[in-house]
Amino acid sequence: MSFLVGLISLVVLAVVVPVVVRVSQRRNAIGIIVSAALIIHVAGVIVGASVLAELDYWQCASLYWFATVIMIYAYGTCYRSLSVQMLLVVARTGSRAIGVEPLYDQHFRGFISDRIDALVEGGRAEFRDGRIVITPRGRSGAELISRARRIFALRESRLYFTKVDPMETV
């Protein structure tokens, strides 16, 4: 029955999240999703504990939070993944194709510019002689990220696969 309480709470969350995300004025709604998840979880546990003679919290919580993390990951992927955005841009063209230059110029140049601005405003990089130069704070952050990448055995910067030279497969 505790598992069922978690499942019911999850169904409530799945109904509430699309509503609160649409009603929210915030561009990135991850904080709102987490807040809604926490409120629904606490309410579900309180109701479950009052209805059931014995509520096994971990059975209830494990399903709920596992699915909540997946929901947050899916939202984040749809919200910010460049690969997903590229697929959508190409899929929306009449020919289902687009040149690389127009794809970059029309859809991603602004994103790259915003990311550079964020690095500069955050003190992690600066402009010098028309080039972006990493600052000591940026080097510190890059080193931390490099360590984390080593922990997770992420040797390359490619996200999904190793790039293969088409001439090698011939």
C-alpha atoms as a PDB file:
ATOM      1  CA  MET A   1       0.000   0.000   0.000  1.00  0.00           C
ATOM      2  CA  SER A   2       2.908   2.361   0.675  1.00  0.00           C
ATOM      3  CA  PHE A   3       4.011   1.862  -2.908  1.00  0.00           C
ATOM      4  CA  LEU A   4       0.502   2.860  -4.003  1.00  0.00           C
ATOM      5  CA  VAL A   5       0.730   6.096  -1.978  1.00  0.00           C
ATOM      6  CA  GLY A   6       3.920   6.943  -3.864  1.00  0.00           C
ATOM      7  CA  LEU A   7       2.268   6.078  -7.176  1.00  0.00           C
ATOM      8  CA  ILE A   8      -0.792   8.233  -6.434  1.00  0.00           C
ATOM      9  CA  SER A   9       1.467  11.121  -5.415  1.00  0.00           C
ATOM     10  CA  LEU A  10       3.356  10.685  -8.675  1.00  0.00           C
ATOM     11  CA  VAL A  11       0.137  10.833 -10.703  1.00  0.00           C
ATOM     12  CA  VAL A  12      -0.802  14.052  -8.878  1.00  0.00           C
ATOM     13  CA  LEU A  13       2.644  15.476  -9.667  1.00  0.00           C
ATOM     14  CA  ALA A  14       2.317  14.488 -13.336  1.00  0.00           C
ATOM     15  CA  VAL A  15      -0.967  16.426 -13.501  1.00  0.00           C
ATOM     16  CA  VAL A  16       0.241  19.442 -11.492  1.00  0.00           C
ATOM     17  CA  VAL A  17       3.627  20.032 -13.181  1.00  0.00           C
ATOM     18  CA  PRO A  18       2.314  20.935 -16.663  1.00  0.00           C
ATOM     19  CA  VAL A  19      -0.145  23.349 -15.044  1.00  0.00           C
ATOM     20  CA  VAL A  20       2.371  25.118 -12.776  1.00  0.00           C
ATOM     21  CA  VAL A  21       4.944  25.329 -15.568  1.00  0.00           C
ATOM     22  CA  ARG A  22       2.417  27.024 -17.852  1.00  0.00           C
ATOM     23  CA  VAL A  23       1.152  29.373 -15.120  1.00  0.00           C
ATOM     24  CA  SER A  24       4.655  30.291 -13.953  1.00  0.00           C
ATOM     25  CA  GLN A  25       6.186  33.493 -15.252  1.00  0.00           C
ATOM     26  CA  ARG A  26       9.715  32.084 -14.858  1.00  0.00           C
ATOM     27  CA  ARG A  27      11.637  31.037 -17.934  1.00  0.00           C
ATOM     28  CA  ASN A  28      13.311  28.075 -16.218  1.00  0.00           C
ATOM     29  CA  ALA A  29      10.787  26.252 -14.066  1.00  0.00           C
ATOM     30  CA  ILE A  30      13.022  23.620 -12.436  1.00  0.00           C
ATOM     31  CA  GLY A  31      12.770  25.342  -9.039  1.00  0.00           C
ATOM     32  CA  ILE A  32       8.991  25.401  -9.341  1.00  0.00           C
ATOM     33  CA  ILE A  33       8.894  21.727 -10.321  1.00  0.00           C
ATOM     34  CA  VAL A  34      11.059  20.777  -7.326  1.00  0.00           C
ATOM     35  CA  SER A  35       8.907  22.902  -4.988  1.00  0.00           C
ATOM     36  CA  ALA A  36       5.707  21.318  -6.301  1.00  0.00           C
ATOM     37  CA  ALA A  37       7.279  17.862  -5.974  1.00  0.00           C
ATOM     38  CA  LEU A  38       8.243  18.519  -2.360  1.00  0.00           C
ATOM     39  CA  ILE A  39       4.802  19.867  -1.408  1.00  0.00           C
ATOM     40  CA  ILE A  40       2.995  16.978  -3.114  1.00  0.00           C
ATOM     41  CA  HIS A  41       5.329  14.439  -1.516  1.00  0.00           C
ATOM     42  CA  VAL A  42       4.826  15.814   2.003  1.00  0.00           C
ATOM     43  CA  ALA A  43       1.052  15.973   1.484  1.00  0.00           C
ATOM     44  CA  GLY A  44       1.009  12.425   0.091  1.00  0.00           C
ATOM     45  CA  VAL A  45       3.007  11.079   3.037  1.00  0.00           C
ATOM     46  CA  ILE A  46       0.743  12.840   5.555  1.00  0.00           C
ATOM     47  CA  VAL A  47      -2.424  11.564   3.873  1.00  0.00           C
ATOM     48  CA  GLY A  48      -0.930   8.084   3.441  1.00  0.00           C
ATOM     49  CA  ALA A  49       0.153   7.926   7.091  1.00  0.00           C
ATOM     50  CA  SER A  50      -3.282   9.012   8.273  1.00  0.00           C
ATOM     51  CA  VAL A  51      -5.140   6.513   6.063  1.00  0.00           C
ATOM     52  CA  LEU A  52      -2.878   3.473   6.353  1.00  0.00           C
ATOM     53  CA  ALA A  53      -2.257   1.631   9.577  1.00  0.00           C
ATOM     54  CA  GLU A  54       1.422   1.464   8.664  1.00  0.00           C
ATOM     55  CA  LEU A  55       3.203   3.476   5.976  1.00  0.00           C
ATOM     56  CA  ASP A  56       6.592   2.260   4.793  1.00  0.00           C
ATOM     57  CA  TYR A  57       8.104   5.633   3.936  1.00  0.00           C
ATOM     58  CA  TRP A  58      10.932   4.312   1.760  1.00  0.00           C
ATOM     59  CA  GLN A  59       8.603   2.319  -0.480  1.00  0.00           C
ATOM     60  CA  CYS A  60       6.501   5.424  -0.943  1.00  0.00           C
ATOM     61  CA  ALA A  61       9.423   7.821  -1.407  1.00  0.00           C
ATOM     62  CA  SER A  62      11.679   5.730  -3.643  1.00  0.00           C
ATOM     63  CA  LEU A  63       9.210   5.427  -6.512  1.00  0.00           C
ATOM     64  CA  TYR A  64       8.092   9.031  -6.191  1.00  0.00           C
ATOM     65  CA  TRP A  65      11.536  10.636  -6.141  1.00  0.00           C
ATOM     66  CA  PHE A  66      12.945   8.326  -8.814  1.00  0.00           C
ATOM     67  CA  ALA A  67      10.170   9.365 -11.188  1.00  0.00           C
ATOM     68  CA  THR A  68      10.509  13.015 -10.118  1.00  0.00           C
ATOM     69  CA  VAL A  69      14.207  13.024 -11.009  1.00  0.00           C
ATOM     70  CA  ILE A  70      13.361  11.560 -14.423  1.00  0.00           C
ATOM     71  CA  MET A  71      10.716  14.261 -14.905  1.00  0.00           C
ATOM     72  CA  ILE A  72      13.211  17.017 -14.011  1.00  0.00           C
ATOM     73  CA  TYR A  73      15.797  15.507 -16.348  1.00  0.00           C
ATOM     74  CA  ALA A  74      13.254  15.347 -19.188  1.00  0.00           C
ATOM     75  CA  TYR A  75      12.240  18.969 -18.586  1.00  0.00           C
ATOM     76  CA  GLY A  76      15.882  20.075 -18.566  1.00  0.00           C
ATOM     77  CA  THR A  77      16.574  18.188 -21.783  1.00  0.00           C
ATOM     78  CA  CYS A  78      13.606  19.757 -23.549  1.00  0.00           C
ATOM     79  CA  TYR A  79      14.463  23.177 -22.114  1.00  0.00           C
ATOM     80  CA  ARG A  80      18.173  23.436 -22.880  1.00  0.00           C
ATOM     81  CA  SER A  81      19.566  20.567 -24.955  1.00  0.00           C
ATOM     82  CA  LEU A  82      21.214  21.921 -28.096  1.00  0.00           C
ATOM     83  CA  SER A  83      20.924  18.524 -29.783  1.00  0.00           C
ATOM     84  CA  VAL A  84      17.181  18.429 -29.145  1.00  0.00           C
ATOM     85  CA  GLN A  85      16.801  22.026 -30.344  1.00  0.00           C
ATOM     86  CA  MET A  86      18.723  21.214 -33.546  1.00  0.00           C
ATOM     87  CA  LEU A  87      16.510  18.200 -34.259  1.00  0.00           C
ATOM     88  CA  LEU A  88      13.390  20.331 -33.767  1.00  0.00           C
ATOM     89  CA  VAL A  89      14.674  23.120 -36.036  1.00  0.00           C
ATOM     90  CA  VAL A  90      15.506  20.667 -38.829  1.00  0.00           C
ATOM     91  CA  ALA A  91      12.218  18.788 -38.368  1.00  0.00           C
ATOM     92  CA  ARG A  92      10.235  22.039 -38.709  1.00  0.00           C
ATOM     93  CA  THR A  93      11.690  22.923 -42.111  1.00  0.00           C
ATOM     94  CA  GLY A  94       9.633  21.973 -45.152  1.00  0.00           C
ATOM     95  CA  SER A  95      12.403  19.861 -46.644  1.00  0.00           C
ATOM     96  CA  ARG A  96      13.460  18.373 -43.272  1.00  0.00           C
ATOM     97  CA  ALA A  97      16.946  19.678 -44.036  1.00  0.00           C
ATOM     98  CA  ILE A  98      18.932  22.847 -43.359  1.00  0.00           C
ATOM     99  CA  GLY A  99      22.460  23.982 -44.097  1.00  0.00           C
ATOM    100  CA  VAL A 100      24.915  24.090 -41.213  1.00  0.00           C
ATOM    101  CA  GLU A 101      25.624  27.828 -41.629  1.00  0.00           C
ATOM    102  CA  PRO A 102      21.958  28.918 -41.504  1.00  0.00           C
ATOM    103  CA  LEU A 103      21.337  26.513 -38.623  1.00  0.00           C
ATOM    104  CA  TYR A 104      24.127  28.097 -36.619  1.00  0.00           C
ATOM    105  CA  ASP A 105      23.546  31.725 -37.687  1.00  0.00           C
ATOM    106  CA  GLN A 106      19.770  31.754 -37.268  1.00  0.00           C
ATOM    107  CA  HIS A 107      19.325  29.491 -34.277  1.00  0.00           C
ATOM    108  CA  PHE A 108      22.483  29.067 -32.215  1.00  0.00           C
ATOM    109  CA  ARG A 109      24.718  32.134 -32.593  1.00  0.00           C
ATOM    110  CA  GLY A 110      22.595  33.948 -29.971  1.00  0.00           C
ATOM    111  CA  PHE A 111      22.861  31.011 -27.584  1.00  0.00           C
ATOM    112  CA  ILE A 112      26.662  30.954 -27.879  1.00  0.00           C
ATOM    113  CA  SER A 113      26.765  34.728 -27.401  1.00  0.00           C
ATOM    114  CA  ASP A 114      24.610  34.412 -24.255  1.00  0.00           C
ATOM    115  CA  ARG A 115      26.901  31.687 -22.874  1.00  0.00           C
ATOM    116  CA  ILE A 116      29.971  33.864 -23.499  1.00  0.00           C
ATOM    117  CA  ASP A 117      28.241  36.788 -21.765  1.00  0.00           C
ATOM    118  CA  ALA A 118      27.452  34.535 -18.792  1.00  0.00           C
ATOM    119  CA  LEU A 119      31.104  33.472 -18.515  1.00  0.00           C
ATOM    120  CA  VAL A 120      32.280  37.090 -18.662  1.00  0.00           C
ATOM    121  CA  GLU A 121      29.617  38.362 -16.229  1.00  0.00           C
ATOM    122  CA  GLY A 122      30.419  35.480 -13.875  1.00  0.00           C
ATOM    123  CA  GLY A 123      34.095  36.417 -13.850  1.00  0.00           C
ATOM    124  CA  ARG A 124      35.164  33.157 -15.487  1.00  0.00           C
ATOM    125  CA  ALA A 125      36.369  34.751 -18.727  1.00  0.00           C
ATOM    126  CA  GLU A 126      37.198  38.147 -20.179  1.00  0.00           C
ATOM    127  CA  PHE A 127      37.735  39.673 -23.590  1.00  0.00           C
ATOM    128  CA  ARG A 128      41.284  40.581 -24.537  1.00  0.00           C
ATOM    129  CA  ASP A 129      42.354  41.643 -28.025  1.00  0.00           C
ATOM    130  CA  GLY A 130      39.164  40.284 -29.577  1.00  0.00           C
ATOM    131  CA  ARG A 131      39.569  36.888 -27.919  1.00  0.00           C
ATOM    132  CA  ILE A 132      37.883  35.264 -24.957  1.00  0.00           C
ATOM    133  CA  VAL A 133      40.445  34.489 -22.246  1.00  0.00           C
ATOM    134  CA  ILE A 134      39.848  32.308 -19.196  1.00  0.00           C
ATOM    135  CA  THR A 135      40.365  33.986 -15.796  1.00  0.00           C
ATOM    136  CA  PRO A 136      41.786  32.377 -12.633  1.00  0.00           C
ATOM    137  CA  ARG A 137      38.204  31.809 -11.446  1.00  0.00           C
ATOM    138  CA  GLY A 138      37.419  30.177 -14.797  1.00  0.00           C
ATOM    139  CA  ARG A 139      40.519  27.967 -14.581  1.00  0.00           C
ATOM    140  CA  SER A 140      39.450  26.854 -11.108  1.00  0.00           C
ATOM    141  CA  GLY A 141      35.969  25.960 -12.383  1.00  0.00           C
ATOM    142  CA  ALA A 142      37.387  24.188 -15.432  1.00  0.00           C
ATOM    143  CA  GLU A 143      39.701  22.125 -13.231  1.00  0.00           C
ATOM    144  CA  LEU A 144      36.770  21.117 -11.015  1.00  0.00           C
ATOM    145  CA  ILE A 145      34.768  20.087 -14.073  1.00  0.00           C
ATOM    146  CA  SER A 146      37.769  18.174 -15.449  1.00  0.00           C
ATOM    147  CA  ARG A 147      38.053  16.233 -12.189  1.00  0.00           C
ATOM    148  CA  ALA A 148      34.344  15.417 -12.255  1.00  0.00           C
ATOM    149  CA  ARG A 149      34.654  14.268 -15.882  1.00  0.00           C
ATOM    150  CA  ARG A 150      37.523  11.945 -14.906  1.00  0.00           C
ATOM    151  CA  ILE A 151      35.441  10.486 -12.065  1.00  0.00           C
ATOM    152  CA  PHE A 152      32.680   9.674 -14.558  1.00  0.00           C
ATOM    153  CA  ALA A 153      35.199   8.471 -17.192  1.00  0.00           C
ATOM    154  CA  LEU A 154      34.152  11.192 -19.641  1.00  0.00           C
ATOM    155  CA  ARG A 155      37.288  11.503 -21.736  1.00  0.00           C
ATOM    156  CA  GLU A 156      35.857  13.246 -24.783  1.00  0.00           C
ATOM    157  CA  SER A 157      33.670  16.286 -25.052  1.00  0.00           C
ATOM    158  CA  ARG A 158      31.350  14.559 -27.528  1.00  0.00           C
ATOM    159  CA  LEU A 159      28.047  13.809 -25.901  1.00  0.00           C
ATOM    160  CA  TYR A 160      26.749  10.634 -27.490  1.00  0.00           C
ATOM    161  CA  PHE A 161      29.418   8.886 -29.525  1.00  0.00           C
ATOM    162  CA  THR A 162      32.932   9.088 -30.877  1.00  0.00           C
ATOM    163  CA  LYS A 163      33.129  10.822 -34.233  1.00  0.00           C
ATOM    164  CA  VAL A 164      34.195   8.373 -36.898  1.00  0.00           C
ATOM    165  CA  ASP A 165      35.939   9.488 -40.059  1.00  0.00           C
ATOM    166  CA  PRO A 166      33.682   8.273 -42.905  1.00  0.00           C
ATOM    167  CA  MET A 167      36.786   7.353 -44.912  1.00  0.00           C
ATOM    168  CA  GLU A 168      37.841   4.833 -42.235  1.00  0.00           C
ATOM    169  CA  THR A 169      34.687   2.753 -42.731  1.00  0.00           C
ATOM    170  CA  VAL A 170      35.324   2.286 -46.460  1.00  0.00           C
END
